[in-house]
Amino acid sequence: MKKFLFLIIISTVILSCKSDKKKQDATVYYLIRHAEKDRNTKDKDPELTEVGLKRAENWANVFKDIPFDKVYSTDYKRTQQTALPSAKSKGLVVLSYGTENLFNEEFKTKTEKQTVLIVGHSNTTPAFVNTITGTQEHSQIDDSDNGKLFIVTIADGKSSVIIEDHNK
C-alpha cells in the first residue's frame, strides 16, 4: 500500500511539473557563422584555430542563459567545432543540416515554437536568415567577420531580426 501511495504521489508531482512548463509561443533562431578557421592548410575542411576554439567557447558563454531546444550545424569540422561548446553546455547533441535546401518544411516543423542555434558559413548564414524572413536584406558576411549574431523571431506569422556584433 505504501508503494502504491508513493507511486501516486510521484506521478502527481511529475505531471504537475510538466503542466507548469509553458509552451513557447514563438520560434527563435540564433544564427552564427563558424569561428576562425585554419587558413594555413590546403584542407578543404579545416579545423578551428586556437583563436577560433576560444571564440566557440565564448559563444557558449554568450548563450549561457538561452534555453536552446536544438543546435544545428553544417557537416564541416569548423562549424561542428563552433557549435559543440554551446550544445554541450545545454546537454544537447549537434544536429546536421544541409545548406542546399535551407529552411524547408521539414526543418520548420522540427523547430516550430523552439529556440534553436544554427551554425553556418559566411554565405549560408545570411542566406538562411533571408529564407526564414522571406527577404533579401542580408548579404554575405565578410570573410574576416566571425562574430555576427542574427536572432530571428517568428511569432504570429511575422518575423523580426536583431543583429549583434560579438567581434570583441
Protein backbone atom coordinates (compact mmCIF):
# COMPACT_ATOMS: atom_id res chain seq x y z
CA MET A 1 0.00 0.00 0.00
CA LYS A 2 2.85 2.38 0.86
CA LYS A 3 4.48 1.68 -2.51
CA PHE A 4 1.21 2.38 -4.31
CA LEU A 5 0.72 5.68 -2.44
CA PHE A 6 4.33 6.64 -3.16
CA LEU A 7 3.82 5.97 -6.90
CA ILE A 8 0.66 8.12 -6.93
CA ILE A 9 2.48 11.00 -5.22
CA ILE A 10 5.48 10.77 -7.58
CA SER A 11 3.19 10.60 -10.65
CA THR A 12 1.26 13.65 -9.47
CA VAL A 13 4.46 15.65 -8.92
CA ILE A 14 5.83 14.70 -12.34
CA LEU A 15 2.58 15.56 -14.12
CA SER A 16 2.25 18.89 -12.32
CA CYS A 17 5.83 19.81 -13.24
CA LYS A 18 5.14 19.01 -16.88
CA SER A 19 1.97 21.08 -16.93
CA ASP A 20 3.81 24.03 -15.37
CA LYS A 21 6.17 24.12 -18.32
CA LYS A 22 4.83 26.88 -20.56
CA LYS A 23 4.68 26.22 -24.27
CA GLN A 24 6.69 28.77 -26.19
CA ASP A 25 4.60 30.97 -28.49
CA ALA A 26 7.42 31.97 -30.84
CA THR A 27 10.15 30.28 -32.80
CA VAL A 28 13.54 31.86 -32.18
CA TYR A 29 16.61 31.15 -34.29
CA TYR A 30 20.12 32.23 -33.28
CA LEU A 31 22.36 32.10 -36.33
CA ILE A 32 26.13 32.47 -36.30
CA ARG A 33 29.00 31.86 -38.65
CA HIS A 34 31.71 29.41 -37.64
CA ALA A 35 34.66 30.73 -35.64
CA GLU A 36 38.13 31.40 -37.10
CA LYS A 37 39.34 28.53 -39.25
CA ASP A 38 42.87 27.42 -40.07
CA ARG A 39 43.83 29.25 -43.25
CA ASN A 40 47.32 27.72 -43.36
CA THR A 41 46.18 24.41 -44.77
CA LYS A 42 45.12 23.17 -48.18
CA ASP A 43 42.47 21.02 -46.49
CA LYS A 44 39.03 21.94 -47.84
CA ASP A 45 37.58 21.14 -44.42
CA PRO A 46 39.91 22.90 -41.97
CA GLU A 47 39.55 22.87 -38.21
CA LEU A 48 39.37 25.94 -36.00
CA THR A 49 42.48 27.79 -34.89
CA GLU A 50 43.22 28.37 -31.19
CA VAL A 51 41.53 31.76 -31.54
CA GLY A 52 38.54 30.03 -33.15
CA LEU A 53 38.31 27.45 -30.37
CA LYS A 54 38.31 30.29 -27.82
CA ARG A 55 35.56 32.06 -29.76
CA ALA A 56 33.50 28.84 -29.81
CA GLU A 57 33.82 28.67 -26.00
CA ASN A 58 32.88 32.34 -25.81
CA TRP A 59 29.71 31.67 -27.81
CA ALA A 60 28.75 29.15 -25.13
CA ASN A 61 29.16 31.96 -22.57
CA VAL A 62 27.13 34.38 -24.69
CA PHE A 63 24.36 31.77 -24.88
CA LYS A 64 24.55 30.60 -21.25
CA ASP A 65 21.07 31.92 -20.41
CA ILE A 66 19.44 30.91 -23.71
CA PRO A 67 17.31 27.74 -23.34
CA PHE A 68 18.15 26.09 -26.66
CA ASP A 69 15.98 23.17 -27.67
CA LYS A 70 18.26 22.20 -30.56
CA VAL A 71 21.66 23.05 -32.03
CA TYR A 72 22.28 22.66 -35.77
CA SER A 73 25.46 22.87 -37.79
CA THR A 74 26.63 22.03 -41.27
CA ASP A 75 28.83 18.91 -41.52
CA TYR A 76 32.11 20.84 -41.74
CA LYS A 77 34.68 20.50 -38.93
CA ARG A 78 34.78 24.26 -38.31
CA THR A 79 31.01 24.59 -37.86
CA GLN A 80 30.77 21.45 -35.74
CA GLN A 81 33.62 22.70 -33.53
CA THR A 82 31.92 26.09 -33.18
CA ALA A 83 28.58 24.54 -32.22
CA LEU A 84 29.89 21.90 -29.82
CA PRO A 85 30.62 24.00 -26.69
CA SER A 86 27.15 25.59 -26.80
CA ALA A 87 25.46 22.24 -27.38
CA LYS A 88 27.43 20.53 -24.60
CA SER A 89 26.59 23.30 -22.14
CA LYS A 90 22.89 22.56 -22.75
CA GLY A 91 23.22 18.79 -22.76
CA LEU A 92 22.38 18.67 -26.47
CA VAL A 93 23.94 16.97 -29.47
CA VAL A 94 24.82 18.89 -32.60
CA LEU A 95 22.37 18.06 -35.39
CA SER A 96 23.37 18.44 -39.03
CA TYR A 97 21.60 20.39 -41.75
CA GLY A 98 22.27 20.70 -45.44
CA THR A 99 22.93 24.08 -47.00
CA GLU A 100 21.28 23.20 -50.31
CA ASN A 101 17.70 23.42 -49.04
CA LEU A 102 17.62 25.98 -46.25
CA PHE A 103 14.56 26.27 -44.05
CA ASN A 104 12.44 23.68 -45.81
CA GLU A 105 9.07 22.46 -44.47
CA GLU A 106 10.62 19.59 -42.54
CA PHE A 107 13.06 21.94 -40.77
CA LYS A 108 10.25 24.42 -39.99
CA THR A 109 8.15 21.66 -38.47
CA LYS A 110 11.02 20.20 -36.43
CA THR A 111 11.89 23.60 -34.95
CA GLU A 112 8.49 25.25 -34.62
CA LYS A 113 7.98 27.10 -31.31
CA GLN A 114 11.51 26.23 -30.20
CA THR A 115 14.72 28.12 -29.56
CA VAL A 116 17.42 26.93 -31.95
CA LEU A 117 21.10 27.68 -32.56
CA ILE A 118 22.24 27.34 -36.18
CA VAL A 119 25.94 27.48 -37.10
CA GLY A 120 26.81 28.08 -40.73
CA HIS A 121 29.15 29.97 -43.04
CA SER A 122 29.73 33.49 -44.36
CA ASN A 123 27.33 32.88 -47.25
CA THR A 124 24.85 30.39 -45.76
CA THR A 125 24.09 32.22 -42.51
CA PRO A 126 22.67 35.39 -44.13
CA ALA A 127 21.01 33.24 -46.81
CA PHE A 128 19.32 31.24 -44.04
CA VAL A 129 18.11 34.48 -42.39
CA ASN A 130 16.78 35.72 -45.75
CA THR A 131 14.98 32.43 -46.36
CA ILE A 132 13.37 32.47 -42.91
CA THR A 133 12.22 36.08 -43.27
CA GLY A 134 11.32 35.89 -46.96
CA THR A 135 13.56 38.88 -47.74
CA GLN A 136 16.91 39.58 -49.36
CA GLU A 137 18.05 42.12 -46.75
CA HIS A 138 21.17 40.36 -45.50
CA SER A 139 24.25 39.95 -47.65
CA GLN A 140 27.18 37.60 -47.29
CA ILE A 141 29.24 38.09 -44.12
CA ASP A 142 32.75 39.44 -44.66
CA ASP A 143 35.31 36.65 -44.50
CA SER A 144 37.03 38.29 -41.51
CA ASP A 145 33.78 38.55 -39.51
CA ASN A 146 33.30 35.59 -37.18
CA GLY A 147 31.28 37.38 -34.52
CA LYS A 148 27.98 38.35 -36.12
CA LEU A 149 24.84 37.01 -34.45
CA PHE A 150 21.43 37.06 -36.10
CA ILE A 151 18.43 36.50 -33.85
CA VAL A 152 15.28 35.77 -35.87
CA THR A 153 11.96 35.57 -34.05
CA ILE A 154 8.81 34.28 -35.69
CA ALA A 155 5.54 34.95 -33.89
CA ASP A 156 2.01 35.26 -35.23
CA GLY A 157 3.26 34.72 -38.79
CA LYS A 158 5.63 37.71 -38.61
CA SER A 159 9.39 37.70 -38.33
CA SER A 160 11.85 40.14 -36.83
CA VAL A 161 15.63 40.18 -36.95
CA ILE A 162 18.12 41.50 -34.42
CA ILE A 163 21.81 41.62 -35.39
CA GLU A 164 24.51 41.74 -32.74
CA ASP A 165 28.24 42.15 -33.20
CA HIS A 166 30.42 39.94 -30.98
CA ASN A 167 33.75 40.71 -32.65
CA LYS A 168 35.47 41.86 -29.49
